[in-house]
Amino acid sequence: MIRSRFIRFFLFLALFCLSQCRQKGETQAFLSQPAVETDLADIKKRGYLEAILDNNSISYFIYKGTPMGYEYEMLQYFCKSLKVKLKIRVISGIDEAITKLNEGGGDVLAFPLTITKERTGYLSFSSALYSTHQVLVQKKPANWRMQPTALVEKRLIRNPIDLIGKEVYVLKGSSFSERMKNLSQEIGGDIQLKEDSATAETESLIRRVATGEIKYTVTDQTIAMVNSLYYPNLDINTVLSLPQQIAWGMRKNSPALQAALDAWLAKTKQNGLFQTLYNKYFNNPRFSITLASSDYSSLTGDKLSPFDERIKEEAKQIGWDWRLIASIVYQESNFDPKVESWAGAIGLMQIMPETGEFLHVADLWDPNQNIKAGIRFLKFLDDYWAKTVSNPNERLKFVLASYNVGASHVIDAQKLARKNGRNASLWDDSVEYFLLQKSNPKYYRDKVVAAGYCRCDGPVRYVKEILDRYEEYKIHIEA
């Protein structure tokens, strides 16, 4: 008993001393140790991995309605290898992201993180994705294209010593901030460090340099190279660090997840997938320039397609978020108004001619009429399902499935659910389950079934993919 009391007293004293030390020095603005215990087995059991991503032109964005990004695609392949789904949480700011990770609000911190000695105290890192170094981002002089290269060079900072007394903006809590503090010691003079908000986006400072709002910032060369294609007036050729390793972070108590990720990374580097994705996002200037100049990239604008305004206007008929309608249009036609399916479905929302006749639509090839017809048909289905499914979130799934495969098969599935003691007003694990069973003779030959056989895994995927894409659109595109 005495020994137990002594141990408790010792622990209290140690924690008290530690808290006093933190008060005297810099206080940590984030949760540095795990507050939950979730590892690979738990992730597989629940069926999804949640990843925390940053807002930038490399990691995760929308292009012509399609989710893209280096981290995003890598995570998709990794989740496929684990046979789990991927859930995305977008956070700007390293401190907030680390806190969210250690709180259990994510499993992998898929930022392009520099591995530092300090960070290894509160994060476990994957094996290195790639190496890079930190560079100074500065604006080229006016009319730089018309000036001799030698004259342009004279007006740019090439020697880090010349940063003494200069204001350099960095993200708070970033490895760039740490590097600038060390560089001040190395060059024997103070760099006037300006730390931006801890919740600022990675590339916000680069954009401010390009517009002339600030003069200098620091970033990784890989991010700088992509952004220099967006902003040709930027110079990124002044190196400020030795090569540094970039990796993803995990909680310190997730060793099985770390091991699985490392094994997968090793495999992808051997089979060529890793290099293919790296080249796509880092070594493809034409692709980056296309993204930078596109009206339909979340990196440069807030549009999904040339038909956004028409979708917004027509969505008022049904009272749905226009981004949900846009996800349906993408699923049906990839925003191509000239598509015709093998079954004869036409245009953006893939309307069958007989449906067009029912809705009194004259020209389904006309994008405006096609969108109007599609939304009118969705409204018709919504009104029908409102009779038996009162919850609008549940009813949406019934409507989407009916739009894809026809209401008769969904009605059959609802009847089967009711007959077998399931809730006929719920989709997940109820009506959805019996829709999938309609390829099984035991069920499609049941007396309550009117429409017969259906291989209905397609419409089940259809519902899921539209709703998943809609969630991604909500992250990047304003309502």
Protein backbone atom coordinates (compact mmCIF):
# COMPACT_ATOMS: atom_id res chain seq x y z
CA MET A 1 0.00 0.00 0.00
CA ILE A 2 2.82 2.42 0.95
CA ARG A 3 4.64 1.58 -2.29
CA SER A 4 1.44 2.21 -4.30
CA ARG A 5 0.94 5.61 -2.65
CA PHE A 6 4.58 6.48 -3.35
CA ILE A 7 4.22 5.62 -7.03
CA ARG A 8 1.07 7.73 -7.33
CA PHE A 9 2.81 10.63 -5.59
CA PHE A 10 5.83 10.29 -7.88
CA LEU A 11 3.62 10.32 -10.99
CA PHE A 12 1.76 13.38 -9.71
CA LEU A 13 5.08 15.14 -9.06
CA ALA A 14 6.38 14.26 -12.52
CA LEU A 15 3.23 15.52 -14.22
CA PHE A 16 3.31 18.70 -12.14
CA CYS A 17 6.92 19.37 -13.09
CA LEU A 18 6.16 18.67 -16.73
CA SER A 19 3.27 21.12 -16.71
CA GLN A 20 5.49 23.77 -15.11
CA CYS A 21 8.15 23.21 -17.76
CA ARG A 22 5.58 23.68 -20.52
CA GLN A 23 4.34 26.88 -18.90
CA LYS A 24 7.84 28.31 -18.92
CA GLY A 25 8.49 27.34 -22.51
CA GLU A 26 6.24 27.28 -25.54
CA THR A 27 2.92 25.60 -24.89
CA GLN A 28 1.78 22.97 -27.34
CA ALA A 29 -1.27 24.07 -29.30
CA PHE A 30 -2.32 20.53 -30.14
CA LEU A 31 -3.06 17.15 -28.57
CA SER A 32 0.29 15.41 -28.74
CA GLN A 33 -0.66 11.94 -27.50
CA PRO A 34 -3.45 9.52 -28.51
CA ALA A 35 -6.73 9.81 -26.65
CA VAL A 36 -8.12 6.66 -28.31
CA GLU A 37 -6.89 3.18 -29.13
CA THR A 38 -7.81 2.33 -32.71
CA ASP A 39 -5.58 0.16 -34.88
CA LEU A 40 -5.84 -1.87 -38.07
CA ALA A 41 -8.15 -4.56 -36.67
CA ASP A 42 -10.64 -1.90 -35.54
CA ILE A 43 -10.50 -0.19 -38.94
CA LYS A 44 -11.19 -3.44 -40.77
CA LYS A 45 -14.02 -4.32 -38.39
CA ARG A 46 -15.85 -1.02 -38.94
CA GLY A 47 -15.17 -1.17 -42.69
CA TYR A 48 -13.53 2.17 -43.41
CA LEU A 49 -10.32 4.14 -42.95
CA GLU A 50 -10.65 7.84 -42.24
CA ALA A 51 -7.91 10.02 -43.66
CA ILE A 52 -7.15 13.66 -42.87
CA LEU A 53 -6.12 15.67 -45.93
CA ASP A 54 -5.00 19.23 -46.52
CA ASN A 55 -6.41 21.79 -48.95
CA ASN A 56 -3.84 22.11 -51.72
CA SER A 57 -3.35 21.61 -55.44
CA ILE A 58 -1.75 18.19 -55.02
CA SER A 59 -3.44 16.25 -52.24
CA TYR A 60 -7.19 16.39 -52.95
CA PHE A 61 -9.43 18.41 -55.28
CA ILE A 62 -12.27 18.14 -57.81
CA TYR A 63 -11.64 18.35 -61.56
CA LYS A 64 -14.61 18.25 -63.95
CA GLY A 65 -16.65 16.54 -61.28
CA THR A 66 -14.04 13.89 -60.49
CA PRO A 67 -12.23 13.68 -57.11
CA MET A 68 -8.49 13.68 -57.71
CA GLY A 69 -5.18 14.24 -55.95
CA TYR A 70 -1.92 12.47 -55.15
CA GLU A 71 -2.78 11.66 -51.54
CA TYR A 72 -6.39 10.91 -52.49
CA GLU A 73 -5.48 8.35 -55.17
CA MET A 74 -2.79 6.76 -53.03
CA LEU A 75 -5.28 6.37 -50.18
CA GLN A 76 -7.87 4.87 -52.51
CA TYR A 77 -5.44 2.17 -53.60
CA PHE A 78 -4.32 1.55 -50.02
CA CYS A 79 -7.92 1.15 -48.83
CA LYS A 80 -8.59 -1.22 -51.71
CA SER A 81 -5.71 -3.38 -50.50
CA LEU A 82 -7.24 -3.40 -47.00
CA LYS A 83 -10.74 -4.07 -48.42
CA VAL A 84 -12.19 -1.08 -46.61
CA LYS A 85 -13.82 2.16 -47.72
CA LEU A 86 -12.09 5.53 -47.64
CA LYS A 87 -13.57 8.45 -45.72
CA ILE A 88 -12.07 11.90 -46.13
CA ARG A 89 -11.80 14.71 -43.60
CA VAL A 90 -10.32 17.95 -44.92
CA ILE A 91 -8.49 20.12 -42.37
CA SER A 92 -6.21 23.10 -42.93
CA GLY A 93 -3.60 23.59 -40.24
CA ILE A 94 -1.11 21.10 -38.86
CA ASP A 95 -1.92 21.64 -35.17
CA GLU A 96 -5.64 21.06 -35.71
CA ALA A 97 -4.94 18.02 -37.89
CA ILE A 98 -2.68 16.41 -35.27
CA THR A 99 -5.25 17.06 -32.56
CA LYS A 100 -8.02 15.55 -34.69
CA LEU A 101 -5.85 12.50 -35.41
CA ASN A 102 -5.03 11.88 -31.75
CA GLU A 103 -8.66 12.46 -30.76
CA GLY A 104 -9.65 9.65 -33.10
CA GLY A 105 -11.13 11.89 -35.81
CA GLY A 106 -8.90 10.20 -38.38
CA ASP A 107 -6.59 7.24 -38.77
CA VAL A 108 -3.99 8.59 -41.18
CA LEU A 109 -2.75 12.16 -41.38
CA ALA A 110 -2.11 12.23 -45.12
CA PHE A 111 -0.44 15.64 -45.24
CA PRO A 112 2.90 15.89 -47.05
CA LEU A 113 4.63 15.97 -43.65
CA THR A 114 8.33 16.55 -43.21
CA ILE A 115 9.78 13.97 -40.83
CA THR A 116 11.44 15.91 -38.01
CA LYS A 117 12.92 14.75 -34.73
CA GLU A 118 10.34 16.76 -32.77
CA ARG A 119 7.42 15.27 -34.68
CA THR A 120 8.54 11.70 -34.05
CA GLY A 121 7.73 12.41 -30.40
CA TYR A 122 4.00 12.65 -31.11
CA LEU A 123 3.49 10.93 -34.49
CA SER A 124 4.40 7.61 -36.03
CA PHE A 125 5.49 8.08 -39.62
CA SER A 126 5.10 5.86 -42.63
CA SER A 127 8.17 5.05 -44.64
CA ALA A 128 9.18 8.05 -46.74
CA LEU A 129 7.01 8.76 -49.77
CA TYR A 130 9.67 10.91 -51.41
CA SER A 131 12.41 13.41 -50.59
CA THR A 132 12.33 17.13 -51.19
CA HIS A 133 13.86 20.30 -49.80
CA GLN A 134 12.52 23.64 -48.68
CA VAL A 135 12.71 26.59 -51.04
CA LEU A 136 12.13 30.31 -50.84
CA VAL A 137 9.10 31.53 -52.78
CA GLN A 138 9.57 35.07 -54.08
CA LYS A 139 8.07 37.18 -56.83
CA LYS A 140 10.05 37.87 -59.97
CA PRO A 141 10.56 41.55 -60.86
CA ALA A 142 8.03 43.33 -63.04
CA ASN A 143 8.46 42.71 -66.76
CA TRP A 144 10.81 39.84 -65.96
CA ARG A 145 10.17 38.24 -69.35
CA MET A 146 11.58 41.33 -71.10
CA GLN A 147 14.72 41.58 -68.95
CA PRO A 148 18.06 39.76 -69.32
CA THR A 149 18.37 36.71 -67.07
CA ALA A 150 21.42 38.17 -65.31
CA LEU A 151 19.49 41.30 -64.35
CA VAL A 152 16.55 39.26 -63.04
CA GLU A 153 18.96 37.15 -60.96
CA LYS A 154 20.46 40.25 -59.34
CA ARG A 155 17.05 41.31 -58.08
CA LEU A 156 16.27 37.94 -56.49
CA ILE A 157 17.52 36.50 -53.20
CA ARG A 158 19.90 33.62 -53.85
CA ASN A 159 22.03 33.71 -50.67
CA PRO A 160 20.07 32.90 -47.47
CA ILE A 161 22.17 35.52 -45.65
CA ASP A 162 20.26 38.16 -47.59
CA LEU A 163 17.12 37.16 -45.68
CA ILE A 164 18.49 38.84 -42.53
CA GLY A 165 16.01 41.55 -41.58
CA LYS A 166 13.47 40.43 -44.18
CA GLU A 167 9.89 39.42 -43.37
CA VAL A 168 9.24 35.78 -44.27
CA TYR A 169 5.74 34.38 -43.83
CA VAL A 170 5.23 30.73 -42.85
CA LEU A 171 2.39 28.60 -41.57
CA LYS A 172 2.26 28.35 -37.79
CA GLY A 173 3.45 24.99 -36.49
CA SER A 174 4.94 23.96 -39.84
CA SER A 175 8.37 22.51 -40.55
CA PHE A 176 8.99 25.71 -42.54
CA SER A 177 8.65 27.76 -39.38
CA GLU A 178 11.09 25.48 -37.57
CA ARG A 179 13.55 25.66 -40.48
CA MET A 180 13.51 29.48 -40.57
CA LYS A 181 14.23 29.66 -36.84
CA ASN A 182 17.21 27.34 -37.29
CA LEU A 183 18.35 29.25 -40.37
CA SER A 184 18.42 32.50 -38.36
CA GLN A 185 20.88 30.83 -36.00
CA GLU A 186 22.96 29.48 -38.86
CA ILE A 187 23.34 32.79 -40.71
CA GLY A 188 23.93 34.84 -37.56
CA GLY A 189 21.07 37.26 -37.99
CA ASP A 190 17.34 37.48 -37.40
CA ILE A 191 14.87 36.67 -40.11
CA GLN A 192 11.64 38.50 -39.31
CA LEU A 193 9.42 35.46 -39.07
CA LYS A 194 5.69 36.03 -39.54
CA GLU A 195 3.61 33.00 -38.61
CA ASP A 196 0.26 32.85 -40.38
CA SER A 197 -2.87 31.31 -38.86
CA ALA A 198 -2.62 27.70 -37.76
CA THR A 199 -5.73 27.00 -39.84
CA ALA A 200 -4.51 28.63 -43.06
CA GLU A 201 -4.33 26.56 -46.22
CA THR A 202 -0.92 25.26 -47.30
CA GLU A 203 -0.85 27.31 -50.48
CA SER A 204 -2.49 30.50 -49.24
CA LEU A 205 0.87 32.15 -48.61
CA ILE A 206 2.18 31.18 -52.06
CA ARG A 207 -0.85 32.88 -53.59
CA ARG A 208 -0.18 36.02 -51.51
CA VAL A 209 3.39 36.18 -52.80
CA ALA A 210 2.17 35.85 -56.39
CA THR A 211 -0.28 38.73 -55.93
CA GLY A 212 2.33 40.93 -54.24
CA GLU A 213 0.60 41.02 -50.86
CA ILE A 214 3.72 39.62 -49.16
CA LYS A 215 7.28 39.23 -50.42
CA TYR A 216 8.49 35.86 -49.18
CA THR A 217 7.29 32.49 -47.98
CA VAL A 218 8.79 29.00 -47.71
CA THR A 219 7.44 25.66 -48.89
CA ASP A 220 8.45 22.21 -50.14
CA GLN A 221 9.97 22.16 -53.60
CA THR A 222 7.32 19.71 -54.85
CA ILE A 223 4.43 22.01 -53.92
CA ALA A 224 6.39 25.02 -55.14
CA MET A 225 6.97 23.45 -58.57
CA VAL A 226 3.27 22.80 -59.13
CA ASN A 227 2.31 26.30 -57.97
CA SER A 228 4.92 27.94 -60.17
CA LEU A 229 2.93 26.59 -63.13
CA TYR A 230 -0.16 28.35 -61.79
CA TYR A 231 1.83 31.53 -61.09
CA PRO A 232 4.66 31.97 -63.64
CA ASN A 233 5.76 35.17 -61.89
CA LEU A 234 7.10 33.16 -58.93
CA ASP A 235 10.72 32.16 -58.43
CA ILE A 236 11.34 28.96 -56.45
CA ASN A 237 15.03 28.31 -57.13
CA THR A 238 16.57 29.37 -53.81
CA VAL A 239 17.11 26.25 -51.67
CA LEU A 240 16.93 26.72 -47.89
CA SER A 241 17.40 23.21 -46.51
CA LEU A 242 19.06 19.86 -46.95
CA PRO A 243 16.92 17.10 -48.49
CA GLN A 244 14.03 16.15 -46.20
CA GLN A 245 11.80 13.08 -46.12
CA ILE A 246 8.06 13.44 -46.69
CA ALA A 247 5.67 10.91 -45.13
CA TRP A 248 2.21 10.43 -43.64
CA GLY A 249 1.53 10.42 -39.91
CA MET A 250 -0.38 8.04 -37.64
CA ARG A 251 -1.06 7.80 -33.93
CA LYS A 252 1.77 6.39 -31.86
CA ASN A 253 -0.45 3.51 -30.76
CA SER A 254 -1.33 2.24 -34.28
CA PRO A 255 1.64 -0.07 -35.03
CA ALA A 256 -0.36 -2.57 -37.10
CA LEU A 257 -1.71 0.20 -39.36
CA GLN A 258 1.79 1.62 -39.76
CA ALA A 259 3.17 -1.82 -40.66
CA ALA A 260 0.39 -2.41 -43.21
CA LEU A 261 0.95 0.99 -44.81
CA ASP A 262 4.71 0.47 -45.01
CA ALA A 263 4.27 -2.96 -46.57
CA TRP A 264 1.84 -1.55 -49.11
CA LEU A 265 4.15 1.36 -49.97
CA ALA A 266 7.03 -1.05 -50.55
CA LYS A 267 4.86 -3.11 -52.88
CA THR A 268 3.62 -0.11 -54.87
CA LYS A 269 7.18 1.13 -55.34
CA GLN A 270 8.12 -2.26 -56.77
CA ASN A 271 5.14 -2.67 -59.12
CA GLY A 272 5.33 0.84 -60.57
CA LEU A 273 2.04 2.23 -59.21
CA PHE A 274 3.80 4.64 -56.87
CA GLN A 275 5.94 6.13 -59.65
CA THR A 276 2.94 6.41 -61.98
CA LEU A 277 0.98 8.48 -59.46
CA TYR A 278 4.03 10.53 -58.52
CA ASN A 279 4.69 11.40 -62.16
CA LYS A 280 1.03 12.24 -62.73
CA TYR A 281 0.96 14.91 -60.03
CA PHE A 282 4.56 16.08 -59.74
CA ASN A 283 6.22 15.52 -63.12
CA ASN A 284 3.40 16.39 -65.51
CA PRO A 285 3.51 20.13 -66.33
CA ARG A 286 0.83 19.84 -69.02
CA PHE A 287 -1.62 18.30 -66.53
CA SER A 288 -0.86 20.97 -63.95
CA ILE A 289 -1.30 23.78 -66.45
CA THR A 290 -4.61 22.27 -67.58
CA LEU A 291 -5.82 22.23 -63.97
CA ALA A 292 -4.63 25.79 -63.43
CA SER A 293 -6.48 27.10 -66.48
CA SER A 294 -9.69 25.09 -66.09
CA ASP A 295 -12.93 26.71 -64.96
CA TYR A 296 -14.01 23.31 -63.66
CA SER A 297 -11.31 22.68 -61.09
CA SER A 298 -11.89 23.33 -57.39
CA LEU A 299 -8.32 24.64 -57.33
CA THR A 300 -9.16 27.66 -59.46
CA GLY A 301 -12.91 28.10 -59.21
CA ASP A 302 -16.20 26.88 -57.87
CA LYS A 303 -17.70 25.12 -60.87
CA LEU A 304 -18.34 21.49 -61.72
CA SER A 305 -19.57 21.78 -65.31
CA PRO A 306 -20.87 24.19 -67.96
CA PHE A 307 -24.36 23.26 -66.80
CA ASP A 308 -24.12 24.34 -63.15
CA GLU A 309 -26.44 27.34 -63.46
CA ARG A 310 -29.15 25.33 -65.21
CA ILE A 311 -28.85 22.56 -62.60
CA LYS A 312 -29.13 25.14 -59.79
CA GLU A 313 -32.24 26.66 -61.33
CA GLU A 314 -34.00 23.38 -62.04
CA ALA A 315 -33.05 21.91 -58.63
CA LYS A 316 -35.52 24.35 -57.08
CA GLN A 317 -38.33 22.15 -58.51
CA ILE A 318 -37.46 19.36 -56.11
CA GLY A 319 -35.79 21.33 -53.30
CA TRP A 320 -32.56 19.34 -53.42
CA ASP A 321 -29.02 20.64 -53.12
CA TRP A 322 -27.86 21.33 -56.68
CA ARG A 323 -24.59 19.52 -55.94
CA LEU A 324 -26.58 16.32 -55.38
CA ILE A 325 -28.21 16.74 -58.81
CA ALA A 326 -24.75 17.42 -60.27
CA SER A 327 -23.49 14.15 -58.79
CA ILE A 328 -26.34 12.34 -60.53
CA VAL A 329 -25.55 14.06 -63.85
CA TYR A 330 -21.89 13.10 -63.52
CA GLN A 331 -22.83 9.51 -62.74
CA GLU A 332 -25.13 9.33 -65.75
CA SER A 333 -23.09 11.10 -68.43
CA ASN A 334 -19.88 12.57 -67.03
CA PHE A 335 -21.40 15.95 -68.01
CA ASP A 336 -21.40 14.96 -71.70
CA PRO A 337 -24.70 16.05 -73.34
CA LYS A 338 -24.07 13.91 -76.44
CA VAL A 339 -23.99 10.51 -74.74
CA GLU A 340 -26.42 7.78 -75.74
CA SER A 341 -26.41 4.48 -73.87
CA TRP A 342 -26.67 1.02 -75.40
CA ALA A 343 -30.29 0.96 -74.21
CA GLY A 344 -31.13 4.27 -75.89
CA ALA A 345 -30.97 6.60 -72.87
CA ILE A 346 -30.14 10.12 -74.02
CA GLY A 347 -28.05 13.06 -72.85
CA LEU A 348 -26.87 14.49 -69.57
CA MET A 349 -29.35 12.69 -67.32
CA GLN A 350 -29.75 9.64 -69.58
CA ILE A 351 -33.48 9.93 -70.15
CA MET A 352 -35.20 7.11 -72.02
CA PRO A 353 -37.32 8.30 -74.99
CA GLU A 354 -40.52 6.87 -73.48
CA THR A 355 -39.80 8.77 -70.24
CA GLY A 356 -39.32 11.91 -72.31
CA GLU A 357 -42.70 11.34 -73.93
CA PHE A 358 -44.31 10.78 -70.52
CA LEU A 359 -42.85 14.10 -69.36
CA HIS A 360 -43.78 15.86 -72.64
CA VAL A 361 -40.18 16.82 -73.42
CA ALA A 362 -39.66 17.72 -77.08
CA ASP A 363 -35.87 17.38 -77.44
CA LEU A 364 -33.87 15.24 -75.03
CA TRP A 365 -30.65 16.15 -76.83
CA ASP A 366 -31.05 19.74 -75.68
CA PRO A 367 -29.10 20.01 -72.38
CA ASN A 368 -31.58 22.41 -70.79
CA GLN A 369 -34.58 20.25 -71.63
CA ASN A 370 -32.72 17.10 -70.58
CA ILE A 371 -31.85 18.49 -67.15
CA LYS A 372 -35.40 19.74 -66.67
CA ALA A 373 -36.80 16.34 -67.65
CA GLY A 374 -34.42 14.47 -65.35
CA ILE A 375 -35.31 16.59 -62.34
CA ARG A 376 -39.04 16.36 -63.11
CA PHE A 377 -38.66 12.59 -63.16
CA LEU A 378 -36.78 12.64 -59.85
CA LYS A 379 -39.60 14.75 -58.41
CA PHE A 380 -42.15 12.24 -59.69
CA LEU A 381 -40.26 9.40 -57.98
CA ASP A 382 -39.84 11.41 -54.79
CA ASP A 383 -43.58 12.07 -54.62
CA TYR A 384 -44.27 8.37 -55.14
CA TRP A 385 -41.89 7.18 -52.40
CA ALA A 386 -43.09 9.85 -49.97
CA LYS A 387 -46.23 7.72 -49.50
CA THR A 388 -44.27 4.93 -47.76
CA VAL A 389 -40.91 6.47 -46.80
CA SER A 390 -41.35 9.61 -44.70
CA ASN A 391 -37.69 10.23 -43.81
CA PRO A 392 -36.24 12.36 -46.65
CA ASN A 393 -32.70 11.01 -46.19
CA GLU A 394 -33.94 7.44 -46.51
CA ARG A 395 -36.33 8.32 -49.32
CA LEU A 396 -33.48 9.79 -51.35
CA LYS A 397 -31.90 6.32 -51.63
CA PHE A 398 -35.17 4.81 -52.85
CA VAL A 399 -35.47 7.58 -55.45
CA LEU A 400 -31.92 7.17 -56.72
CA ALA A 401 -32.23 3.40 -57.01
CA SER A 402 -35.55 3.78 -58.85
CA TYR A 403 -34.02 6.33 -61.23
CA ASN A 404 -31.32 3.81 -62.09
CA VAL A 405 -33.08 0.44 -62.24
CA GLY A 406 -36.77 1.33 -62.32
CA ALA A 407 -39.25 1.70 -59.48
CA SER A 408 -40.75 -1.78 -60.00
CA HIS A 409 -37.62 -3.60 -58.77
CA VAL A 410 -37.34 -1.32 -55.74
CA ILE A 411 -41.03 -1.88 -54.97
CA ASP A 412 -40.37 -5.64 -55.09
CA ALA A 413 -37.47 -5.23 -52.67
CA GLN A 414 -39.66 -3.21 -50.33
CA LYS A 415 -42.33 -5.94 -50.40
CA LEU A 416 -39.70 -8.60 -49.67
CA ALA A 417 -38.38 -6.56 -46.74
CA ARG A 418 -41.86 -6.22 -45.31
CA LYS A 419 -42.60 -9.92 -45.76
CA ASN A 420 -39.35 -10.94 -44.06
CA GLY A 421 -39.84 -8.74 -41.01
CA ARG A 422 -37.49 -5.91 -42.01
CA ASN A 423 -38.29 -2.20 -41.91
CA ALA A 424 -39.65 -1.43 -45.38
CA SER A 425 -38.93 2.29 -44.93
CA LEU A 426 -35.18 1.83 -44.37
CA TRP A 427 -32.62 1.37 -47.12
CA ASP A 428 -29.40 0.11 -45.51
CA ASP A 429 -29.52 -3.57 -44.53
CA SER A 430 -33.22 -3.73 -45.36
CA VAL A 431 -34.65 -2.79 -48.78
CA GLU A 432 -31.10 -2.54 -50.15
CA TYR A 433 -30.44 -6.11 -48.95
CA PHE A 434 -33.50 -7.54 -50.71
CA LEU A 435 -32.76 -5.60 -53.88
CA LEU A 436 -29.44 -7.44 -53.97
CA GLN A 437 -31.30 -10.73 -53.46
CA LYS A 438 -33.33 -10.30 -56.64
CA SER A 439 -30.84 -12.44 -58.56
CA ASN A 440 -31.56 -15.31 -56.16
CA PRO A 441 -34.42 -17.64 -57.30
CA LYS A 442 -35.57 -17.97 -53.71
CA TYR A 443 -36.51 -14.30 -53.79
CA TYR A 444 -37.24 -13.31 -57.40
CA ARG A 445 -39.71 -16.22 -57.64
CA ASP A 446 -41.50 -15.14 -54.47
CA LYS A 447 -45.21 -14.46 -54.99
CA VAL A 448 -44.89 -10.82 -53.86
CA VAL A 449 -42.35 -10.11 -56.62
CA ALA A 450 -43.83 -8.63 -59.80
CA ALA A 451 -40.81 -7.55 -61.83
CA GLY A 452 -38.87 -10.81 -61.60
CA TYR A 453 -35.13 -11.31 -61.88
CA CYS A 454 -32.71 -8.41 -61.50
CA ARG A 455 -28.97 -8.32 -61.08
CA CYS A 456 -29.23 -5.33 -58.80
CA ASP A 457 -25.71 -4.85 -57.48
CA GLY A 458 -25.43 -2.05 -60.06
CA PRO A 459 -28.19 0.16 -58.63
CA VAL A 460 -26.91 -0.44 -55.10
CA ARG A 461 -23.47 0.81 -56.16
CA TYR A 462 -25.18 3.64 -58.05
CA VAL A 463 -26.80 4.96 -54.87
CA LYS A 464 -23.59 4.73 -52.88
CA GLU A 465 -21.39 6.34 -55.51
CA ILE A 466 -23.73 9.29 -56.03
CA LEU A 467 -24.00 9.98 -52.31
CA ASP A 468 -20.24 9.56 -51.74
CA ARG A 469 -19.48 11.95 -54.60
CA TYR A 470 -22.05 14.39 -53.26
CA GLU A 471 -20.20 14.45 -49.91
CA GLU A 472 -16.96 15.22 -51.77
CA TYR A 473 -18.64 17.99 -53.77
CA LYS A 474 -19.82 19.55 -50.49
CA ILE A 475 -16.23 19.72 -49.30
CA HIS A 476 -14.96 21.62 -52.33
CA ILE A 477 -17.91 23.39 -53.98
CA GLU A 478 -20.12 26.06 -52.42
CA ALA A 479 -23.87 25.51 -52.33
